[in-house]
Amino acid sequence: MNPNLKRFLVILPLVIFITFPLFYFIEEDRNCVLDFGSKCSNSYFIRTSVQVVVMTVLFFYLGRKKTANKTK
């Protein structure tokens, strides 16, 4: 398997596992989060989905191997 894909597939579940419960506990009205199709539920899932994508890309980018430029 491609090492970059493997690293991406390791980062993604970790971000999902952290982001969804964190946003759930921050939510003021937790009852409406599980009422699927409501405005509150839709905004919750949109916010967490955007956060998951952004954090996954950020961690993937920041976790790359650095190469030193040794030309002088």
PDB file of N, CA and C in Angstrom:
ATOM      1  N   MET A   1       0.857  -1.179   0.000  1.00  0.00           N
ATOM      2  CA  MET A   1       0.000   0.000   0.000  1.00  0.00           C
ATOM      3  C   MET A   1       0.898   1.235   0.000  1.00  0.00           C
ATOM      4  N   ASN A   2       0.441   2.248  -0.673  1.00  0.00           N
ATOM      5  CA  ASN A   2       1.155   3.507  -0.746  1.00  0.00           C
ATOM      6  C   ASN A   2       1.308   4.087   0.671  1.00  0.00           C
ATOM      7  N   PRO A   3       2.530   4.478   1.064  1.00  0.00           N
ATOM      8  CA  PRO A   3       2.725   5.002   2.428  1.00  0.00           C
ATOM      9  C   PRO A   3       1.906   6.265   2.710  1.00  0.00           C
ATOM     10  N   ASN A   4       1.738   7.117   1.700  1.00  0.00           N
ATOM     11  CA  ASN A   4       0.939   8.329   1.914  1.00  0.00           C
ATOM     12  C   ASN A   4      -0.527   7.998   2.149  1.00  0.00           C
ATOM     13  N   LEU A   5      -1.037   7.033   1.400  1.00  0.00           N
ATOM     14  CA  LEU A   5      -2.425   6.614   1.586  1.00  0.00           C
ATOM     15  C   LEU A   5      -2.608   5.958   2.949  1.00  0.00           C
ATOM     16  N   LYS A   6      -1.647   5.158   3.341  1.00  0.00           N
ATOM     17  CA  LYS A   6      -1.714   4.494   4.641  1.00  0.00           C
ATOM     18  C   LYS A   6      -1.700   5.524   5.773  1.00  0.00           C
ATOM     19  N   ARG A   7      -0.854   6.540   5.658  1.00  0.00           N
ATOM     20  CA  ARG A   7      -0.780   7.591   6.674  1.00  0.00           C
ATOM     21  C   ARG A   7      -2.087   8.385   6.716  1.00  0.00           C
ATOM     22  N   PHE A   8      -2.660   8.652   5.533  1.00  0.00           N
ATOM     23  CA  PHE A   8      -3.937   9.359   5.457  1.00  0.00           C
ATOM     24  C   PHE A   8      -5.043   8.547   6.122  1.00  0.00           C
ATOM     25  N   LEU A   9      -5.050   7.232   5.885  1.00  0.00           N
ATOM     26  CA  LEU A   9      -6.081   6.373   6.463  1.00  0.00           C
ATOM     27  C   LEU A   9      -5.894   6.142   7.957  1.00  0.00           C
ATOM     28  N   VAL A  10      -4.733   6.454   8.485  1.00  0.00           N
ATOM     29  CA  VAL A  10      -4.521   6.406   9.930  1.00  0.00           C
ATOM     30  C   VAL A  10      -4.977   7.719  10.572  1.00  0.00           C
ATOM     31  N   ILE A  11      -4.705   8.823   9.900  1.00  0.00           N
ATOM     32  CA  ILE A  11      -5.052  10.142  10.442  1.00  0.00           C
ATOM     33  C   ILE A  11      -6.559  10.358  10.435  1.00  0.00           C
ATOM     34  N   LEU A  12      -7.228   9.968   9.356  1.00  0.00           N
ATOM     35  CA  LEU A  12      -8.662  10.241   9.209  1.00  0.00           C
ATOM     36  C   LEU A  12      -9.518   9.682  10.351  1.00  0.00           C
ATOM     37  N   PRO A  13      -9.410   8.397  10.719  1.00  0.00           N
ATOM     38  CA  PRO A  13     -10.252   7.916  11.830  1.00  0.00           C
ATOM     39  C   PRO A  13      -9.922   8.577  13.168  1.00  0.00           C
ATOM     40  N   LEU A  14      -8.652   8.918  13.372  1.00  0.00           N
ATOM     41  CA  LEU A  14      -8.298   9.598  14.621  1.00  0.00           C
ATOM     42  C   LEU A  14      -8.971  10.959  14.711  1.00  0.00           C
ATOM     43  N   VAL A  15      -8.963  11.699  13.620  1.00  0.00           N
ATOM     44  CA  VAL A  15      -9.603  13.014  13.614  1.00  0.00           C
ATOM     45  C   VAL A  15     -11.115  12.869  13.793  1.00  0.00           C
ATOM     46  N   ILE A  16     -11.720  11.889  13.146  1.00  0.00           N
ATOM     47  CA  ILE A  16     -13.157  11.661  13.291  1.00  0.00           C
ATOM     48  C   ILE A  16     -13.490  11.290  14.730  1.00  0.00           C
ATOM     49  N   PHE A  17     -12.692  10.414  15.317  1.00  0.00           N
ATOM     50  CA  PHE A  17     -12.929   9.942  16.677  1.00  0.00           C
ATOM     51  C   PHE A  17     -12.827  11.080  17.699  1.00  0.00           C
ATOM     52  N   ILE A  18     -12.012  12.075  17.417  1.00  0.00           N
ATOM     53  CA  ILE A  18     -11.845  13.195  18.343  1.00  0.00           C
ATOM     54  C   ILE A  18     -12.853  14.307  18.067  1.00  0.00           C
ATOM     55  N   THR A  19     -13.098  14.615  16.795  1.00  0.00           N
ATOM     56  CA  THR A  19     -13.907  15.780  16.438  1.00  0.00           C
ATOM     57  C   THR A  19     -15.389  15.615  16.736  1.00  0.00           C
ATOM     58  N   PHE A  20     -15.986  14.500  16.359  1.00  0.00           N
ATOM     59  CA  PHE A  20     -17.427  14.344  16.555  1.00  0.00           C
ATOM     60  C   PHE A  20     -17.830  14.408  18.026  1.00  0.00           C
ATOM     61  N   PRO A  21     -17.178  13.685  18.943  1.00  0.00           N
ATOM     62  CA  PRO A  21     -17.567  13.827  20.363  1.00  0.00           C
ATOM     63  C   PRO A  21     -17.255  15.215  20.930  1.00  0.00           C
ATOM     64  N   LEU A  22     -16.153  15.815  20.500  1.00  0.00           N
ATOM     65  CA  LEU A  22     -15.799  17.141  20.994  1.00  0.00           C
ATOM     66  C   LEU A  22     -16.856  18.160  20.615  1.00  0.00           C
ATOM     67  N   PHE A  23     -17.284  18.153  19.355  1.00  0.00           N
ATOM     68  CA  PHE A  23     -18.331  19.074  18.931  1.00  0.00           C
ATOM     69  C   PHE A  23     -19.662  18.738  19.602  1.00  0.00           C
ATOM     70  N   TYR A  24     -19.910  17.465  19.885  1.00  0.00           N
ATOM     71  CA  TYR A  24     -21.153  17.072  20.551  1.00  0.00           C
ATOM     72  C   TYR A  24     -21.223  17.661  21.960  1.00  0.00           C
ATOM     73  N   PHE A  25     -20.107  17.615  22.690  1.00  0.00           N
ATOM     74  CA  PHE A  25     -20.112  18.131  24.057  1.00  0.00           C
ATOM     75  C   PHE A  25     -20.120  19.657  24.097  1.00  0.00           C
ATOM     76  N   ILE A  26     -19.684  20.300  23.020  1.00  0.00           N
ATOM     77  CA  ILE A  26     -19.721  21.755  22.954  1.00  0.00           C
ATOM     78  C   ILE A  26     -21.108  22.251  22.566  1.00  0.00           C
ATOM     79  N   GLU A  27     -21.863  21.434  21.859  1.00  0.00           N
ATOM     80  CA  GLU A  27     -23.206  21.803  21.381  1.00  0.00           C
ATOM     81  C   GLU A  27     -24.112  22.158  22.554  1.00  0.00           C
ATOM     82  N   GLU A  28     -24.836  23.261  22.427  1.00  0.00           N
ATOM     83  CA  GLU A  28     -25.723  23.714  23.495  1.00  0.00           C
ATOM     84  C   GLU A  28     -26.940  22.805  23.647  1.00  0.00           C
ATOM     85  N   ASP A  29     -27.584  22.454  22.540  1.00  0.00           N
ATOM     86  CA  ASP A  29     -28.783  21.618  22.580  1.00  0.00           C
ATOM     87  C   ASP A  29     -28.429  20.249  21.999  1.00  0.00           C
ATOM     88  N   ARG A  30     -28.009  19.344  22.854  1.00  0.00           N
ATOM     89  CA  ARG A  30     -27.550  18.031  22.390  1.00  0.00           C
ATOM     90  C   ARG A  30     -28.686  17.149  21.904  1.00  0.00           C
ATOM     91  N   ASN A  31     -29.910  17.418  22.334  1.00  0.00           N
ATOM     92  CA  ASN A  31     -31.042  16.595  21.915  1.00  0.00           C
ATOM     93  C   ASN A  31     -31.318  16.728  20.421  1.00  0.00           C
ATOM     94  N   CYS A  32     -31.108  17.902  19.876  1.00  0.00           N
ATOM     95  CA  CYS A  32     -31.431  18.109  18.465  1.00  0.00           C
ATOM     96  C   CYS A  32     -30.357  17.528  17.548  1.00  0.00           C
ATOM     97  N   VAL A  33     -29.187  17.247  18.064  1.00  0.00           N
ATOM     98  CA  VAL A  33     -28.114  16.685  17.235  1.00  0.00           C
ATOM     99  C   VAL A  33     -28.519  15.323  16.695  1.00  0.00           C
ATOM    100  N   LEU A  34     -29.191  14.527  17.488  1.00  0.00           N
ATOM    101  CA  LEU A  34     -29.584  13.190  17.059  1.00  0.00           C
ATOM    102  C   LEU A  34     -30.950  13.165  16.374  1.00  0.00           C
ATOM    103  N   ASP A  35     -31.572  14.321  16.219  1.00  0.00           N
ATOM    104  CA  ASP A  35     -32.835  14.430  15.484  1.00  0.00           C
ATOM    105  C   ASP A  35     -32.487  14.667  14.014  1.00  0.00           C
ATOM    106  N   PHE A  36     -32.201  13.577  13.297  1.00  0.00           N
ATOM    107  CA  PHE A  36     -31.684  13.661  11.938  1.00  0.00           C
ATOM    108  C   PHE A  36     -32.655  14.371  11.010  1.00  0.00           C
ATOM    109  N   GLY A  37     -32.122  15.268  10.192  1.00  0.00           N
ATOM    110  CA  GLY A  37     -32.927  16.028   9.251  1.00  0.00           C
ATOM    111  C   GLY A  37     -33.312  17.398   9.766  1.00  0.00           C
ATOM    112  N   SER A  38     -33.083  17.656  11.044  1.00  0.00           N
ATOM    113  CA  SER A  38     -33.426  18.970  11.578  1.00  0.00           C
ATOM    114  C   SER A  38     -32.315  19.968  11.233  1.00  0.00           C
ATOM    115  N   LYS A  39     -32.629  21.232  11.376  1.00  0.00           N
ATOM    116  CA  LYS A  39     -31.662  22.285  11.069  1.00  0.00           C
ATOM    117  C   LYS A  39     -30.440  22.187  11.983  1.00  0.00           C
ATOM    118  N   CYS A  40     -30.671  21.897  13.244  1.00  0.00           N
ATOM    119  CA  CYS A  40     -29.586  21.765  14.221  1.00  0.00           C
ATOM    120  C   CYS A  40     -28.680  20.592  13.869  1.00  0.00           C
ATOM    121  N   SER A  41     -29.269  19.471  13.533  1.00  0.00           N
ATOM    122  CA  SER A  41     -28.498  18.278  13.193  1.00  0.00           C
ATOM    123  C   SER A  41     -27.696  18.501  11.928  1.00  0.00           C
ATOM    124  N   ASN A  42     -28.298  19.116  10.932  1.00  0.00           N
ATOM    125  CA  ASN A  42     -27.593  19.373   9.684  1.00  0.00           C
ATOM    126  C   ASN A  42     -26.420  20.309   9.885  1.00  0.00           C
ATOM    127  N   SER A  43     -26.597  21.362  10.665  1.00  0.00           N
ATOM    128  CA  SER A  43     -25.490  22.289  10.900  1.00  0.00           C
ATOM    129  C   SER A  43     -24.378  21.615  11.702  1.00  0.00           C
ATOM    130  N   TYR A  44     -24.745  20.753  12.643  1.00  0.00           N
ATOM    131  CA  TYR A  44     -23.748  20.017  13.418  1.00  0.00           C
ATOM    132  C   TYR A  44     -22.901  19.127  12.510  1.00  0.00           C
ATOM    133  N   PHE A  45     -23.554  18.356  11.653  1.00  0.00           N
ATOM    134  CA  PHE A  45     -22.812  17.447  10.791  1.00  0.00           C
ATOM    135  C   PHE A  45     -22.014  18.186   9.720  1.00  0.00           C
ATOM    136  N   ILE A  46     -22.502  19.305   9.248  1.00  0.00           N
ATOM    137  CA  ILE A  46     -21.736  20.098   8.279  1.00  0.00           C
ATOM    138  C   ILE A  46     -20.495  20.674   8.945  1.00  0.00           C
ATOM    139  N   ARG A  47     -20.655  21.234  10.145  1.00  0.00           N
ATOM    140  CA  ARG A  47     -19.497  21.807  10.850  1.00  0.00           C
ATOM    141  C   ARG A  47     -18.452  20.746  11.181  1.00  0.00           C
ATOM    142  N   THR A  48     -18.897  19.607  11.670  1.00  0.00           N
ATOM    143  CA  THR A  48     -17.926  18.566  12.028  1.00  0.00           C
ATOM    144  C   THR A  48     -17.285  17.965  10.783  1.00  0.00           C
ATOM    145  N   SER A  49     -18.022  17.831   9.710  1.00  0.00           N
ATOM    146  CA  SER A  49     -17.447  17.283   8.478  1.00  0.00           C
ATOM    147  C   SER A  49     -16.383  18.209   7.904  1.00  0.00           C
ATOM    148  N   VAL A  50     -16.664  19.508   7.906  1.00  0.00           N
ATOM    149  CA  VAL A  50     -15.671  20.471   7.429  1.00  0.00           C
ATOM    150  C   VAL A  50     -14.444  20.442   8.334  1.00  0.00           C
ATOM    151  N   GLN A  51     -14.664  20.371   9.625  1.00  0.00           N
ATOM    152  CA  GLN A  51     -13.546  20.314  10.576  1.00  0.00           C
ATOM    153  C   GLN A  51     -12.705  19.064  10.356  1.00  0.00           C
ATOM    154  N   VAL A  52     -13.337  17.928  10.111  1.00  0.00           N
ATOM    155  CA  VAL A  52     -12.606  16.677   9.877  1.00  0.00           C
ATOM    156  C   VAL A  52     -11.755  16.794   8.626  1.00  0.00           C
ATOM    157  N   VAL A  53     -12.313  17.329   7.559  1.00  0.00           N
ATOM    158  CA  VAL A  53     -11.553  17.464   6.312  1.00  0.00           C
ATOM    159  C   VAL A  53     -10.367  18.413   6.498  1.00  0.00           C
ATOM    160  N   VAL A  54     -10.605  19.558   7.108  1.00  0.00           N
ATOM    161  CA  VAL A  54      -9.542  20.547   7.295  1.00  0.00           C
ATOM    162  C   VAL A  54      -8.435  19.994   8.190  1.00  0.00           C
ATOM    163  N   MET A  55      -8.798  19.391   9.308  1.00  0.00           N
ATOM    164  CA  MET A  55      -7.784  18.875  10.229  1.00  0.00           C
ATOM    165  C   MET A  55      -7.018  17.699   9.631  1.00  0.00           C
ATOM    166  N   THR A  56      -7.687  16.847   8.868  1.00  0.00           N
ATOM    167  CA  THR A  56      -7.005  15.725   8.237  1.00  0.00           C
ATOM    168  C   THR A  56      -5.984  16.227   7.232  1.00  0.00           C
ATOM    169  N   VAL A  57      -6.367  17.170   6.406  1.00  0.00           N
ATOM    170  CA  VAL A  57      -5.429  17.729   5.425  1.00  0.00           C
ATOM    171  C   VAL A  57      -4.281  18.436   6.129  1.00  0.00           C
ATOM    172  N   LEU A  58      -4.578  19.178   7.172  1.00  0.00           N
ATOM    173  CA  LEU A  58      -3.537  19.888   7.915  1.00  0.00           C
ATOM    174  C   LEU A  58      -2.549  18.921   8.557  1.00  0.00           C
ATOM    175  N   PHE A  59      -3.049  17.908   9.245  1.00  0.00           N
ATOM    176  CA  PHE A  59      -2.154  16.934   9.877  1.00  0.00           C
ATOM    177  C   PHE A  59      -1.369  16.126   8.849  1.00  0.00           C
ATOM    178  N   PHE A  60      -1.993  15.819   7.721  1.00  0.00           N
ATOM    179  CA  PHE A  60      -1.307  15.098   6.655  1.00  0.00           C
ATOM    180  C   PHE A  60      -0.173  15.948   6.097  1.00  0.00           C
ATOM    181  N   TYR A  61      -0.434  17.243   5.902  1.00  0.00           N
ATOM    182  CA  TYR A  61       0.583  18.139   5.370  1.00  0.00           C
ATOM    183  C   TYR A  61       1.712  18.368   6.378  1.00  0.00           C
ATOM    184  N   LEU A  62       1.374  18.574   7.633  1.00  0.00           N
ATOM    185  CA  LEU A  62       2.392  18.845   8.647  1.00  0.00           C
ATOM    186  C   LEU A  62       3.192  17.600   9.026  1.00  0.00           C
ATOM    187  N   GLY A  63       2.663  16.421   8.749  1.00  0.00           N
ATOM    188  CA  GLY A  63       3.349  15.190   9.115  1.00  0.00           C
ATOM    189  C   GLY A  63       4.262  14.635   8.039  1.00  0.00           C
ATOM    190  N   ARG A  64       4.407  15.358   6.944  1.00  0.00           N
ATOM    191  CA  ARG A  64       5.266  14.851   5.869  1.00  0.00           C
ATOM    192  C   ARG A  64       6.726  14.899   6.284  1.00  0.00           C
ATOM    193  N   LYS A  65       7.526  14.115   5.600  1.00  0.00           N
ATOM    194  CA  LYS A  65       8.950  14.086   5.916  1.00  0.00           C
ATOM    195  C   LYS A  65       9.618  15.321   5.338  1.00  0.00           C
ATOM    196  N   LYS A  66      10.432  15.927   6.145  1.00  0.00           N
ATOM    197  CA  LYS A  66      11.152  17.128   5.719  1.00  0.00           C
ATOM    198  C   LYS A  66      12.450  16.680   5.057  1.00  0.00           C
ATOM    199  N   THR A  67      12.792  17.330   3.968  1.00  0.00           N
ATOM    200  CA  THR A  67      14.060  17.028   3.307  1.00  0.00           C
ATOM    201  C   THR A  67      14.956  18.258   3.427  1.00  0.00           C
ATOM    202  N   ALA A  68      16.176  18.029   3.813  1.00  0.00           N
ATOM    203  CA  ALA A  68      17.135  19.126   3.977  1.00  0.00           C
ATOM    204  C   ALA A  68      17.778  19.423   2.631  1.00  0.00           C
ATOM    205  N   ASN A  69      17.928  20.690   2.351  1.00  0.00           N
ATOM    206  CA  ASN A  69      18.587  21.119   1.138  1.00  0.00           C
ATOM    207  C   ASN A  69      20.066  21.327   1.474  1.00  0.00           C
ATOM    208  N   LYS A  70      20.927  20.423   1.013  1.00  0.00           N
ATOM    209  CA  LYS A  70      22.340  20.460   1.391  1.00  0.00           C
ATOM    210  C   LYS A  70      23.220  21.037   0.290  1.00  0.00           C
ATOM    211  N   THR A  71      22.671  21.816  -0.588  1.00  0.00           N
ATOM    212  CA  THR A  71      23.478  22.433  -1.636  1.00  0.00           C
ATOM    213  C   THR A  71      24.009  23.755  -1.148  1.00  0.00           C
ATOM    214  N   LYS A  72      25.313  23.904  -1.216  1.00  0.00           N
ATOM    215  CA  LYS A  72      25.951  25.170  -0.803  1.00  0.00           C
ATOM    216  C   LYS A  72      26.975  25.568  -1.812  1.00  0.00           C
TER     217      LYS A  72
END
